[in-house]
PDB file of all heavy atoms in Angstrom:
ATOM      1  N   LEU A   1      -0.057  16.610  10.244  1.00  0.00           N
ATOM      2  CA  LEU A   1       0.254  15.475   9.372  1.00  0.00           C
ATOM      3  C   LEU A   1      -0.693  14.342   9.683  1.00  0.00           C
ATOM      4  O   LEU A   1      -0.780  13.876  10.800  1.00  0.00           O
ATOM      5  CB  LEU A   1       1.703  15.017   9.588  1.00  0.00           C
ATOM      6  CG  LEU A   1       2.155  13.798   8.800  1.00  0.00           C
ATOM      7  CD1 LEU A   1       2.064  14.102   7.304  1.00  0.00           C
ATOM      8  CD2 LEU A   1       3.572  13.402   9.173  1.00  0.00           C
ATOM      9  N   SER A   2      -1.440  13.930   8.673  1.00  0.00           N
ATOM     10  CA  SER A   2      -2.396  12.831   8.853  1.00  0.00           C
ATOM     11  C   SER A   2      -2.569  12.112   7.544  1.00  0.00           C
ATOM     12  O   SER A   2      -2.543  12.718   6.484  1.00  0.00           O
ATOM     13  CB  SER A   2      -3.748  13.375   9.318  1.00  0.00           C
ATOM     14  OG  SER A   2      -4.687  12.333   9.379  1.00  0.00           O
ATOM     15  N   THR A   3      -2.724  10.801   7.568  1.00  0.00           N
ATOM     16  CA  THR A   3      -2.977  10.033   6.348  1.00  0.00           C
ATOM     17  C   THR A   3      -4.069   9.034   6.603  1.00  0.00           C
ATOM     18  O   THR A   3      -4.263   8.564   7.719  1.00  0.00           O
ATOM     19  CB  THR A   3      -1.724   9.273   5.862  1.00  0.00           C
ATOM     20  OG1 THR A   3      -1.439   8.244   6.788  1.00  0.00           O
ATOM     21  CG2 THR A   3      -0.523  10.193   5.718  1.00  0.00           C
ATOM     22  N   GLY A   4      -4.786   8.633   5.529  1.00  0.00           N
ATOM     23  CA  GLY A   4      -5.832   7.631   5.643  1.00  0.00           C
ATOM     24  C   GLY A   4      -5.400   6.295   5.092  1.00  0.00           C
ATOM     25  O   GLY A   4      -6.177   5.371   5.016  1.00  0.00           O
ATOM     26  N   SER A   5      -4.137   6.164   4.675  1.00  0.00           N
ATOM     27  CA  SER A   5      -3.664   4.936   4.026  1.00  0.00           C
ATOM     28  C   SER A   5      -3.341   3.871   5.041  1.00  0.00           C
ATOM     29  O   SER A   5      -2.806   4.150   6.116  1.00  0.00           O
ATOM     30  CB  SER A   5      -2.421   5.233   3.191  1.00  0.00           C
ATOM     31  OG  SER A   5      -1.810   4.046   2.785  1.00  0.00           O
ATOM     32  N   CYS A   6      -3.649   2.606   4.691  1.00  0.00           N
ATOM     33  CA  CYS A   6      -3.267   1.504   5.568  1.00  0.00           C
ATOM     34  C   CYS A   6      -1.751   1.387   5.606  1.00  0.00           C
ATOM     35  O   CYS A   6      -1.183   0.925   6.586  1.00  0.00           O
ATOM     36  CB  CYS A   6      -3.884   0.190   5.092  1.00  0.00           C
ATOM     37  SG  CYS A   6      -3.176  -0.479   3.594  1.00  0.00           S
ATOM     38  N   LEU A   7      -1.082   1.824   4.533  1.00  0.00           N
ATOM     39  CA  LEU A   7       0.375   1.756   4.503  1.00  0.00           C
ATOM     40  C   LEU A   7       0.985   2.738   5.478  1.00  0.00           C
ATOM     41  O   LEU A   7       2.142   2.573   5.889  1.00  0.00           O
ATOM     42  CB  LEU A   7       0.886   2.058   3.078  1.00  0.00           C
ATOM     43  CG  LEU A   7       0.467   1.094   2.001  1.00  0.00           C
ATOM     44  CD1 LEU A   7       1.051   1.527   0.659  1.00  0.00           C
ATOM     45  CD2 LEU A   7       0.902  -0.309   2.321  1.00  0.00           C
ATOM     46  N   SER A   8       0.241   3.783   5.878  1.00  0.00           N
ATOM     47  CA  SER A   8       0.792   4.795   6.759  1.00  0.00           C
ATOM     48  C   SER A   8       1.046   4.271   8.154  1.00  0.00           C
ATOM     49  O   SER A   8       1.652   4.957   8.969  1.00  0.00           O
ATOM     50  CB  SER A   8      -0.146   5.997   6.810  1.00  0.00           C
ATOM     51  OG  SER A   8      -1.362   5.631   7.437  1.00  0.00           O
ATOM     52  N   ARG A   9       0.564   3.075   8.446  1.00  0.00           N
ATOM     53  CA  ARG A   9       0.821   2.500   9.758  1.00  0.00           C
ATOM     54  C   ARG A   9       2.286   2.130   9.923  1.00  0.00           C
ATOM     55  O   ARG A   9       2.768   1.928  11.025  1.00  0.00           O
ATOM     56  CB  ARG A   9      -0.062   1.260   9.969  1.00  0.00           C
ATOM     57  CG  ARG A   9      -1.564   1.557   9.851  1.00  0.00           C
ATOM     58  CD  ARG A   9      -2.402   0.354  10.229  1.00  0.00           C
ATOM     59  NE  ARG A   9      -3.799   0.596   9.901  1.00  0.00           N
ATOM     60  CZ  ARG A   9      -4.449  -0.056   8.977  1.00  0.00           C
ATOM     61  NH1 ARG A   9      -3.853  -0.990   8.278  1.00  0.00           N
ATOM     62  NH2 ARG A   9      -5.714   0.196   8.734  1.00  0.00           N
ATOM     63  N   ARG A  10       2.990   1.988   8.844  1.00  0.00           N
ATOM     64  CA  ARG A  10       4.418   1.704   8.907  1.00  0.00           C
ATOM     65  C   ARG A  10       5.179   2.981   9.229  1.00  0.00           C
ATOM     66  O   ARG A  10       4.729   4.073   8.953  1.00  0.00           O
ATOM     67  CB  ARG A  10       4.921   1.161   7.567  1.00  0.00           C
ATOM     68  CG  ARG A  10       4.468  -0.241   7.278  1.00  0.00           C
ATOM     69  CD  ARG A  10       4.963  -0.643   5.901  1.00  0.00           C
ATOM     70  NE  ARG A  10       4.852  -2.079   5.739  1.00  0.00           N
ATOM     71  CZ  ARG A  10       5.788  -2.936   6.075  1.00  0.00           C
ATOM     72  NH1 ARG A  10       6.903  -2.520   6.581  1.00  0.00           N
ATOM     73  NH2 ARG A  10       5.606  -4.232   5.899  1.00  0.00           N
ATOM     74  N   ARG A  11       6.364   2.843   9.773  1.00  0.00           N
ATOM     75  CA  ARG A  11       7.204   4.003   9.970  1.00  0.00           C
ATOM     76  C   ARG A  11       7.617   4.566   8.622  1.00  0.00           C
ATOM     77  O   ARG A  11       7.761   3.847   7.648  1.00  0.00           O
ATOM     78  CB  ARG A  11       8.447   3.612  10.774  1.00  0.00           C
ATOM     79  CG  ARG A  11       8.141   3.178  12.201  1.00  0.00           C
ATOM     80  CD  ARG A  11       9.382   2.730  12.917  1.00  0.00           C
ATOM     81  NE  ARG A  11      10.026   1.622  12.195  1.00  0.00           N
ATOM     82  CZ  ARG A  11      11.204   1.114  12.550  1.00  0.00           C
ATOM     83  NH1 ARG A  11      11.846   1.609  13.560  1.00  0.00           N
ATOM     84  NH2 ARG A  11      11.723   0.111  11.856  1.00  0.00           N
ATOM     85  N   ILE A  12       7.881   5.878   8.589  1.00  0.00           N
ATOM     86  CA  ILE A  12       8.223   6.521   7.324  1.00  0.00           C
ATOM     87  C   ILE A  12       9.475   5.896   6.723  1.00  0.00           C
ATOM     88  O   ILE A  12       9.568   5.692   5.517  1.00  0.00           O
ATOM     89  CB  ILE A  12       8.424   8.035   7.537  1.00  0.00           C
ATOM     90  CG1 ILE A  12       7.088   8.679   7.907  1.00  0.00           C
ATOM     91  CG2 ILE A  12       9.000   8.703   6.297  1.00  0.00           C
ATOM     92  CD1 ILE A  12       7.179  10.148   8.230  1.00  0.00           C
ATOM     93  N   SER A  13      10.444   5.548   7.571  1.00  0.00           N
ATOM     94  CA  SER A  13      11.679   4.951   7.058  1.00  0.00           C
ATOM     95  C   SER A  13      11.403   3.597   6.407  1.00  0.00           C
ATOM     96  O   SER A  13      11.983   3.259   5.375  1.00  0.00           O
ATOM     97  CB  SER A  13      12.696   4.777   8.193  1.00  0.00           C
ATOM     98  OG  SER A  13      12.160   3.958   9.220  1.00  0.00           O
ATOM     99  N   ASP A  14      10.486   2.832   6.996  1.00  0.00           N
ATOM    100  CA  ASP A  14      10.135   1.535   6.423  1.00  0.00           C
ATOM    101  C   ASP A  14       9.419   1.712   5.090  1.00  0.00           C
ATOM    102  O   ASP A  14       9.631   0.957   4.147  1.00  0.00           O
ATOM    103  CB  ASP A  14       9.229   0.746   7.384  1.00  0.00           C
ATOM    104  CG  ASP A  14       9.966   0.271   8.619  1.00  0.00           C
ATOM    105  OD1 ASP A  14      11.206   0.220   8.569  1.00  0.00           O
ATOM    106  OD2 ASP A  14       9.313  -0.034   9.623  1.00  0.00           O
ATOM    107  N   LEU A  15       8.555   2.739   5.021  1.00  0.00           N
ATOM    108  CA  LEU A  15       7.846   3.012   3.777  1.00  0.00           C
ATOM    109  C   LEU A  15       8.805   3.354   2.655  1.00  0.00           C
ATOM    110  O   LEU A  15       8.640   2.921   1.518  1.00  0.00           O
ATOM    111  CB  LEU A  15       6.874   4.173   3.982  1.00  0.00           C
ATOM    112  CG  LEU A  15       5.475   3.816   4.491  1.00  0.00           C
ATOM    113  CD1 LEU A  15       4.704   5.089   4.805  1.00  0.00           C
ATOM    114  CD2 LEU A  15       4.737   2.995   3.484  1.00  0.00           C
ATOM    115  N   ALA A  16       9.819   4.144   2.986  1.00  0.00           N
ATOM    116  CA  ALA A  16      10.786   4.546   1.970  1.00  0.00           C
ATOM    117  C   ALA A  16      11.524   3.340   1.424  1.00  0.00           C
ATOM    118  O   ALA A  16      11.734   3.198   0.220  1.00  0.00           O
ATOM    119  CB  ALA A  16      11.767   5.558   2.558  1.00  0.00           C
ATOM    120  N   LYS A  17      11.906   2.431   2.318  1.00  0.00           N
ATOM    121  CA  LYS A  17      12.606   1.226   1.891  1.00  0.00           C
ATOM    122  C   LYS A  17      11.691   0.348   1.039  1.00  0.00           C
ATOM    123  O   LYS A  17      12.110  -0.214   0.030  1.00  0.00           O
ATOM    124  CB  LYS A  17      13.096   0.442   3.112  1.00  0.00           C
ATOM    125  CG  LYS A  17      14.193   1.142   3.900  1.00  0.00           C
ATOM    126  CD  LYS A  17      14.562   0.340   5.132  1.00  0.00           C
ATOM    127  CE  LYS A  17      15.606   1.064   5.967  1.00  0.00           C
ATOM    128  NZ  LYS A  17      15.925   0.310   7.209  1.00  0.00           N
ATOM    129  N   LEU A  18      10.434   0.239   1.463  1.00  0.00           N
ATOM    130  CA  LEU A  18       9.492  -0.611   0.744  1.00  0.00           C
ATOM    131  C   LEU A  18       9.217  -0.061  -0.656  1.00  0.00           C
ATOM    132  O   LEU A  18       9.213  -0.811  -1.631  1.00  0.00           O
ATOM    133  CB  LEU A  18       8.184  -0.701   1.538  1.00  0.00           C
ATOM    134  CG  LEU A  18       7.095  -1.616   0.979  1.00  0.00           C
ATOM    135  CD1 LEU A  18       7.584  -3.048   0.953  1.00  0.00           C
ATOM    136  CD2 LEU A  18       5.834  -1.506   1.816  1.00  0.00           C
ATOM    137  N   SER A  19       9.020   1.247  -0.759  1.00  0.00           N
ATOM    138  CA  SER A  19       8.700   1.840  -2.050  1.00  0.00           C
ATOM    139  C   SER A  19       9.850   1.720  -3.032  1.00  0.00           C
ATOM    140  O   SER A  19       9.654   1.803  -4.243  1.00  0.00           O
ATOM    141  CB  SER A  19       8.317   3.313  -1.885  1.00  0.00           C
ATOM    142  OG  SER A  19       9.422   4.050  -1.378  1.00  0.00           O
ATOM    143  N   ALA A  20      11.055   1.526  -2.517  1.00  0.00           N
ATOM    144  CA  ALA A  20      12.213   1.382  -3.398  1.00  0.00           C
ATOM    145  C   ALA A  20      12.250   0.013  -4.066  1.00  0.00           C
ATOM    146  O   ALA A  20      12.978  -0.190  -5.036  1.00  0.00           O
ATOM    147  CB  ALA A  20      13.501   1.606  -2.605  1.00  0.00           C
ATOM    148  N   LEU A  21      11.463  -0.926  -3.559  1.00  0.00           N
ATOM    149  CA  LEU A  21      11.493  -2.299  -4.068  1.00  0.00           C
ATOM    150  C   LEU A  21      10.143  -2.780  -4.600  1.00  0.00           C
ATOM    151  O   LEU A  21      10.093  -3.753  -5.352  1.00  0.00           O
ATOM    152  CB  LEU A  21      11.954  -3.253  -2.957  1.00  0.00           C
ATOM    153  CG  LEU A  21      13.331  -3.000  -2.358  1.00  0.00           C
ATOM    154  CD1 LEU A  21      13.551  -3.898  -1.151  1.00  0.00           C
ATOM    155  CD2 LEU A  21      14.421  -3.228  -3.395  1.00  0.00           C
ATOM    156  N   VAL A  22       9.072  -2.117  -4.187  1.00  0.00           N
ATOM    157  CA  VAL A  22       7.719  -2.596  -4.494  1.00  0.00           C
ATOM    158  C   VAL A  22       6.969  -1.581  -5.348  1.00  0.00           C
ATOM    159  O   VAL A  22       6.963  -0.382  -5.052  1.00  0.00           O
ATOM    160  CB  VAL A  22       6.931  -2.863  -3.190  1.00  0.00           C
ATOM    161  CG1 VAL A  22       5.514  -3.326  -3.509  1.00  0.00           C
ATOM    162  CG2 VAL A  22       7.657  -3.893  -2.333  1.00  0.00           C
ATOM    163  N   ASP A  23       6.346  -2.073  -6.415  1.00  0.00           N
ATOM    164  CA  ASP A  23       5.490  -1.238  -7.259  1.00  0.00           C
ATOM    165  C   ASP A  23       4.040  -1.641  -7.020  1.00  0.00           C
ATOM    166  O   ASP A  23       3.667  -2.791  -7.263  1.00  0.00           O
ATOM    167  CB  ASP A  23       5.816  -1.429  -8.744  1.00  0.00           C
ATOM    168  CG  ASP A  23       7.223  -0.979  -9.098  1.00  0.00           C
ATOM    169  OD1 ASP A  23       7.709  -0.027  -8.459  1.00  0.00           O
ATOM    170  OD2 ASP A  23       7.833  -1.592  -9.996  1.00  0.00           O
ATOM    171  N   ILE A  24       3.235  -0.698  -6.539  1.00  0.00           N
ATOM    172  CA  ILE A  24       1.817  -0.966  -6.324  1.00  0.00           C
ATOM    173  C   ILE A  24       1.042  -0.328  -7.463  1.00  0.00           C
ATOM    174  O   ILE A  24       1.126   0.878  -7.687  1.00  0.00           O
ATOM    175  CB  ILE A  24       1.341  -0.413  -4.967  1.00  0.00           C
ATOM    176  CG1 ILE A  24       2.170  -1.028  -3.825  1.00  0.00           C
ATOM    177  CG2 ILE A  24      -0.144  -0.711  -4.762  1.00  0.00           C
ATOM    178  CD1 ILE A  24       1.784  -0.530  -2.447  1.00  0.00           C
ATOM    179  N   LYS A  25       0.300  -1.134  -8.186  1.00  0.00           N
ATOM    180  CA  LYS A  25      -0.481  -0.657  -9.317  1.00  0.00           C
ATOM    181  C   LYS A  25      -1.437   0.445  -8.857  1.00  0.00           C
ATOM    182  O   LYS A  25      -2.041   0.328  -7.777  1.00  0.00           O
ATOM    183  CB  LYS A  25      -1.267  -1.837  -9.902  1.00  0.00           C
ATOM    184  CG  LYS A  25      -1.964  -1.567 -11.216  1.00  0.00           C
ATOM    185  CD  LYS A  25      -2.641  -2.842 -11.712  1.00  0.00           C
ATOM    186  CE  LYS A  25      -3.362  -2.642 -13.035  1.00  0.00           C
ATOM    187  NZ  LYS A  25      -4.048  -3.884 -13.476  1.00  0.00           N
ATOM    188  N   PRO A  26      -1.582   1.534  -9.625  1.00  0.00           N
ATOM    189  CA  PRO A  26      -2.447   2.644  -9.197  1.00  0.00           C
ATOM    190  C   PRO A  26      -3.834   2.223  -8.741  1.00  0.00           C
ATOM    191  O   PRO A  26      -4.343   2.713  -7.720  1.00  0.00           O
ATOM    192  CB  PRO A  26      -2.506   3.520 -10.451  1.00  0.00           C
ATOM    193  CG  PRO A  26      -1.200   3.281 -11.126  1.00  0.00           C
ATOM    194  CD  PRO A  26      -0.896   1.823 -10.889  1.00  0.00           C
ATOM    195  N   GLU A  27      -4.465   1.307  -9.470  1.00  0.00           N
ATOM    196  CA  GLU A  27      -5.795   0.818  -9.095  1.00  0.00           C
ATOM    197  C   GLU A  27      -5.779   0.208  -7.695  1.00  0.00           C
ATOM    198  O   GLU A  27      -6.685   0.434  -6.879  1.00  0.00           O
ATOM    199  CB  GLU A  27      -6.252  -0.225 -10.114  1.00  0.00           C
ATOM    200  CG  GLU A  27      -7.540  -0.946  -9.759  1.00  0.00           C
ATOM    201  CD  GLU A  27      -7.801  -2.160 -10.636  1.00  0.00           C
ATOM    202  OE1 GLU A  27      -6.841  -2.709 -11.228  1.00  0.00           O
ATOM    203  OE2 GLU A  27      -8.975  -2.557 -10.737  1.00  0.00           O
ATOM    204  N   VAL A  28      -4.725  -0.558  -7.404  1.00  0.00           N
ATOM    205  CA  VAL A  28      -4.610  -1.210  -6.102  1.00  0.00           C
ATOM    206  C   VAL A  28      -4.246  -0.196  -5.020  1.00  0.00           C
ATOM    207  O   VAL A  28      -4.771  -0.230  -3.906  1.00  0.00           O
ATOM    208  CB  VAL A  28      -3.559  -2.342  -6.160  1.00  0.00           C
ATOM    209  CG1 VAL A  28      -3.389  -2.987  -4.792  1.00  0.00           C
ATOM    210  CG2 VAL A  28      -3.959  -3.385  -7.203  1.00  0.00           C
ATOM    211  N   ARG A  29      -3.338   0.719  -5.343  1.00  0.00           N
ATOM    212  CA  ARG A  29      -2.933   1.734  -4.372  1.00  0.00           C
ATOM    213  C   ARG A  29      -4.134   2.571  -3.922  1.00  0.00           C
ATOM    214  O   ARG A  29      -4.292   2.875  -2.743  1.00  0.00           O
ATOM    215  CB  ARG A  29      -1.857   2.642  -4.976  1.00  0.00           C
ATOM    216  CG  ARG A  29      -1.335   3.716  -4.017  1.00  0.00           C
ATOM    217  CD  ARG A  29      -0.272   4.570  -4.670  1.00  0.00           C
ATOM    218  NE  ARG A  29       0.932   3.813  -4.940  1.00  0.00           N
ATOM    219  CZ  ARG A  29       1.876   3.566  -4.044  1.00  0.00           C
ATOM    220  NH1 ARG A  29       1.725   4.013  -2.798  1.00  0.00           N
ATOM    221  NH2 ARG A  29       2.946   2.872  -4.359  1.00  0.00           N
ATOM    222  N   GLU A  30      -4.969   2.941  -4.879  1.00  0.00           N
ATOM    223  CA  GLU A  30      -6.147   3.741  -4.544  1.00  0.00           C
ATOM    224  C   GLU A  30      -7.095   2.944  -3.650  1.00  0.00           C
ATOM    225  O   GLU A  30      -7.670   3.479  -2.694  1.00  0.00           O
ATOM    226  CB  GLU A  30      -6.859   4.164  -5.835  1.00  0.00           C
ATOM    227  CG  GLU A  30      -8.104   5.021  -5.622  1.00  0.00           C
ATOM    228  CD  GLU A  30      -7.800   6.406  -5.083  1.00  0.00           C
ATOM    229  OE1 GLU A  30      -6.611   6.760  -4.947  1.00  0.00           O
ATOM    230  OE2 GLU A  30      -8.762   7.142  -4.784  1.00  0.00           O
ATOM    231  N   ALA A  31      -7.262   1.659  -3.952  1.00  0.00           N
ATOM    232  CA  ALA A  31      -8.134   0.827  -3.122  1.00  0.00           C
ATOM    233  C   ALA A  31      -7.557   0.664  -1.718  1.00  0.00           C
ATOM    234  O   ALA A  31      -8.294   0.702  -0.727  1.00  0.00           O
ATOM    235  CB  ALA A  31      -8.329  -0.540  -3.775  1.00  0.00           C
ATOM    236  N   LEU A  32      -6.248   0.491  -1.607  1.00  0.00           N
ATOM    237  CA  LEU A  32      -5.620   0.356  -0.294  1.00  0.00           C
ATOM    238  C   LEU A  32      -5.766   1.645   0.513  1.00  0.00           C
ATOM    239  O   LEU A  32      -5.877   1.612   1.735  1.00  0.00           O
ATOM    240  CB  LEU A  32      -4.138   0.008  -0.452  1.00  0.00           C
ATOM    241  CG  LEU A  32      -3.820  -1.422  -0.904  1.00  0.00           C
ATOM    242  CD1 LEU A  32      -2.335  -1.585  -1.168  1.00  0.00           C
ATOM    243  CD2 LEU A  32      -4.292  -2.447   0.116  1.00  0.00           C
ATOM    244  N   ARG A  33      -5.768   2.777  -0.175  1.00  0.00           N
ATOM    245  CA  ARG A  33      -5.921   4.056   0.514  1.00  0.00           C
ATOM    246  C   ARG A  33      -7.352   4.249   1.010  1.00  0.00           C
ATOM    247  O   ARG A  33      -7.574   4.707   2.129  1.00  0.00           O
ATOM    248  CB  ARG A  33      -5.538   5.205  -0.426  1.00  0.00           C
ATOM    249  CG  ARG A  33      -5.546   6.581   0.235  1.00  0.00           C
ATOM    250  CD  ARG A  33      -5.157   7.678  -0.745  1.00  0.00           C
ATOM    251  NE  ARG A  33      -6.218   7.938  -1.697  1.00  0.00           N
ATOM    252  CZ  ARG A  33      -7.267   8.721  -1.455  1.00  0.00           C
ATOM    253  NH1 ARG A  33      -7.405   9.295  -0.275  1.00  0.00           N
ATOM    254  NH2 ARG A  33      -8.184   8.924  -2.378  1.00  0.00           N
ATOM    255  N   LYS A  34      -8.321   3.883   0.187  1.00  0.00           N
ATOM    256  CA  LYS A  34      -9.716   4.117   0.530  1.00  0.00           C
ATOM    257  C   LYS A  34     -10.324   2.985   1.350  1.00  0.00           C
ATOM    258  O   LYS A  34     -11.030   3.226   2.331  1.00  0.00           O
ATOM    259  CB  LYS A  34     -10.540   4.302  -0.748  1.00  0.00           C
ATOM    260  CG  LYS A  34     -10.278   5.606  -1.479  1.00  0.00           C
ATOM    261  CD  LYS A  34     -11.220   5.728  -2.675  1.00  0.00           C
ATOM    262  CE  LYS A  34     -11.046   7.070  -3.372  1.00  0.00           C
ATOM    263  NZ  LYS A  34     -11.976   7.203  -4.531  1.00  0.00           N
ATOM    264  N   ALA A  35     -10.107   1.759   0.913  1.00  0.00           N
ATOM    265  CA  ALA A  35     -10.755   0.606   1.559  1.00  0.00           C
ATOM    266  C   ALA A  35      -9.911  -0.637   1.333  1.00  0.00           C
ATOM    267  O   ALA A  35     -10.166  -1.410   0.408  1.00  0.00           O
ATOM    268  CB  ALA A  35     -12.161   0.421   1.001  1.00  0.00           C
ATOM    269  N   PRO A  36      -8.883  -0.841   2.151  1.00  0.00           N
ATOM    270  CA  PRO A  36      -7.994  -1.989   1.947  1.00  0.00           C
ATOM    271  C   PRO A  36      -8.694  -3.338   2.001  1.00  0.00           C
ATOM    272  O   PRO A  36      -8.209  -4.321   1.443  1.00  0.00           O
ATOM    273  CB  PRO A  36      -6.968  -1.845   3.082  1.00  0.00           C
ATOM    274  CG  PRO A  36      -7.620  -0.947   4.087  1.00  0.00           C
ATOM    275  CD  PRO A  36      -8.485  -0.017   3.303  1.00  0.00           C
ATOM    276  N   GLN A  37      -9.863  -3.376   2.673  1.00  0.00           N
ATOM    277  CA  GLN A  37     -10.596  -4.639   2.752  1.00  0.00           C
ATOM    278  C   GLN A  37     -11.088  -5.119   1.399  1.00  0.00           C
ATOM    279  O   GLN A  37     -11.419  -6.289   1.220  1.00  0.00           O
ATOM    280  CB  GLN A  37     -11.801  -4.494   3.690  1.00  0.00           C
ATOM    281  CG  GLN A  37     -11.488  -3.893   5.046  1.00  0.00           C
ATOM    282  CD  GLN A  37     -11.700  -2.389   5.059  1.00  0.00           C
ATOM    283  OE1 GLN A  37     -11.530  -1.723   4.052  1.00  0.00           O
ATOM    284  NE2 GLN A  37     -12.054  -1.857   6.224  1.00  0.00           N
ATOM    285  N   SER A  38     -11.171  -4.201   0.426  1.00  0.00           N
ATOM    286  CA  SER A  38     -11.753  -4.550  -0.872  1.00  0.00           C
ATOM    287  C   SER A  38     -10.767  -5.206  -1.830  1.00  0.00           C
ATOM    288  O   SER A  38     -11.142  -5.599  -2.926  1.00  0.00           O
ATOM    289  CB  SER A  38     -12.316  -3.282  -1.539  1.00  0.00           C
ATOM    290  OG  SER A  38     -11.259  -2.384  -1.879  1.00  0.00           O
ATOM    291  N   VAL A  39      -9.509  -5.332  -1.429  1.00  0.00           N
ATOM    292  CA  VAL A  39      -8.480  -5.866  -2.319  1.00  0.00           C
ATOM    293  C   VAL A  39      -8.333  -7.377  -2.128  1.00  0.00           C
ATOM    294  O   VAL A  39      -8.286  -7.866  -0.997  1.00  0.00           O
ATOM    295  CB  VAL A  39      -7.122  -5.178  -2.076  1.00  0.00           C
ATOM    296  CG1 VAL A  39      -6.070  -5.713  -3.043  1.00  0.00           C
ATOM    297  CG2 VAL A  39      -7.256  -3.666  -2.246  1.00  0.00           C
ATOM    298  N   VAL A  40      -8.245  -8.106  -3.247  1.00  0.00           N
ATOM    299  CA  VAL A  40      -8.037  -9.561  -3.209  1.00  0.00           C
ATOM    300  C   VAL A  40      -6.694  -9.870  -3.864  1.00  0.00           C
ATOM    301  O   VAL A  40      -6.484  -9.576  -5.045  1.00  0.00           O
ATOM    302  CB  VAL A  40      -9.164 -10.310  -3.952  1.00  0.00           C
ATOM    303  CG1 VAL A  40      -8.873 -11.818  -3.993  1.00  0.00           C
ATOM    304  CG2 VAL A  40     -10.506 -10.049  -3.278  1.00  0.00           C
ATOM    305  N   ALA A  41      -5.792 -10.449  -3.100  1.00  0.00           N
ATOM    306  CA  ALA A  41      -4.491 -10.843  -3.640  1.00  0.00           C
ATOM    307  C   ALA A  41      -4.630 -12.127  -4.451  1.00  0.00           C
ATOM    308  O   ALA A  41      -5.447 -12.999  -4.129  1.00  0.00           O
ATOM    309  CB  ALA A  41      -3.488 -11.049  -2.505  1.00  0.00           C
ATOM    310  N   LEU A  42      -3.823 -12.241  -5.512  1.00  0.00           N
ATOM    311  CA  LEU A  42      -3.793 -13.431  -6.361  1.00  0.00           C
ATOM    312  C   LEU A  42      -2.344 -13.833  -6.567  1.00  0.00           C
ATOM    313  O   LEU A  42      -1.484 -12.974  -6.782  1.00  0.00           O
ATOM    314  CB  LEU A  42      -4.453 -13.140  -7.715  1.00  0.00           C
ATOM    315  CG  LEU A  42      -5.904 -12.623  -7.667  1.00  0.00           C
ATOM    316  CD1 LEU A  42      -6.312 -12.074  -9.028  1.00  0.00           C
ATOM    317  CD2 LEU A  42      -6.856 -13.726  -7.226  1.00  0.00           C
ATOM    318  N   GLU A  43      -2.066 -15.105  -6.508  1.00  0.00           N
ATOM    319  CA  GLU A  43      -0.689 -15.555  -6.683  1.00  0.00           C
ATOM    320  C   GLU A  43      -0.336 -15.644  -8.165  1.00  0.00           C
ATOM    321  O   GLU A  43      -1.212 -15.610  -9.035  1.00  0.00           O
ATOM    322  CB  GLU A  43      -0.485 -16.912  -6.018  1.00  0.00           C
ATOM    323  CG  GLU A  43      -1.266 -18.041  -6.668  1.00  0.00           C
ATOM    324  CD  GLU A  43      -0.650 -19.405  -6.418  1.00  0.00           C
ATOM    325  OE1 GLU A  43       0.404 -19.680  -7.020  1.00  0.00           O
ATOM    326  OE2 GLU A  43      -1.233 -20.183  -5.637  1.00  0.00           O
ATOM    327  N   SER A  44       0.961 -15.780  -8.453  1.00  0.00           N
ATOM    328  CA  SER A  44       1.392 -15.835  -9.848  1.00  0.00           C
ATOM    329  C   SER A  44       2.130 -17.118 -10.228  1.00  0.00           C
ATOM    330  O   SER A  44       2.416 -17.338 -11.403  1.00  0.00           O
ATOM    331  CB  SER A  44       2.288 -14.631 -10.171  1.00  0.00           C
ATOM    332  OG  SER A  44       3.349 -14.523  -9.227  1.00  0.00           O
ATOM    333  N   THR A  45       2.411 -17.984  -9.257  1.00  0.00           N
ATOM    334  CA  THR A  45       3.073 -19.234  -9.627  1.00  0.00           C
ATOM    335  C   THR A  45       2.146 -20.125 -10.457  1.00  0.00           C
ATOM    336  O   THR A  45       2.607 -20.978 -11.219  1.00  0.00           O
ATOM    337  CB  THR A  45       3.575 -19.991  -8.382  1.00  0.00           C
ATOM    338  OG1 THR A  45       4.491 -21.009  -8.780  1.00  0.00           O
ATOM    339  CG2 THR A  45       2.431 -20.631  -7.628  1.00  0.00           C
TER     340      THR A  45
END
């Protein structure tokens, strides 16, 4: 069992809880898997 995702650093139980509440856009999810440094967060307020 091995993953390259930055999200994989969390425990599996934490990931399950997070995925139940958070939707990560496919474009962003792919970037986080390959190169999380390339993602720029933007606020919505």
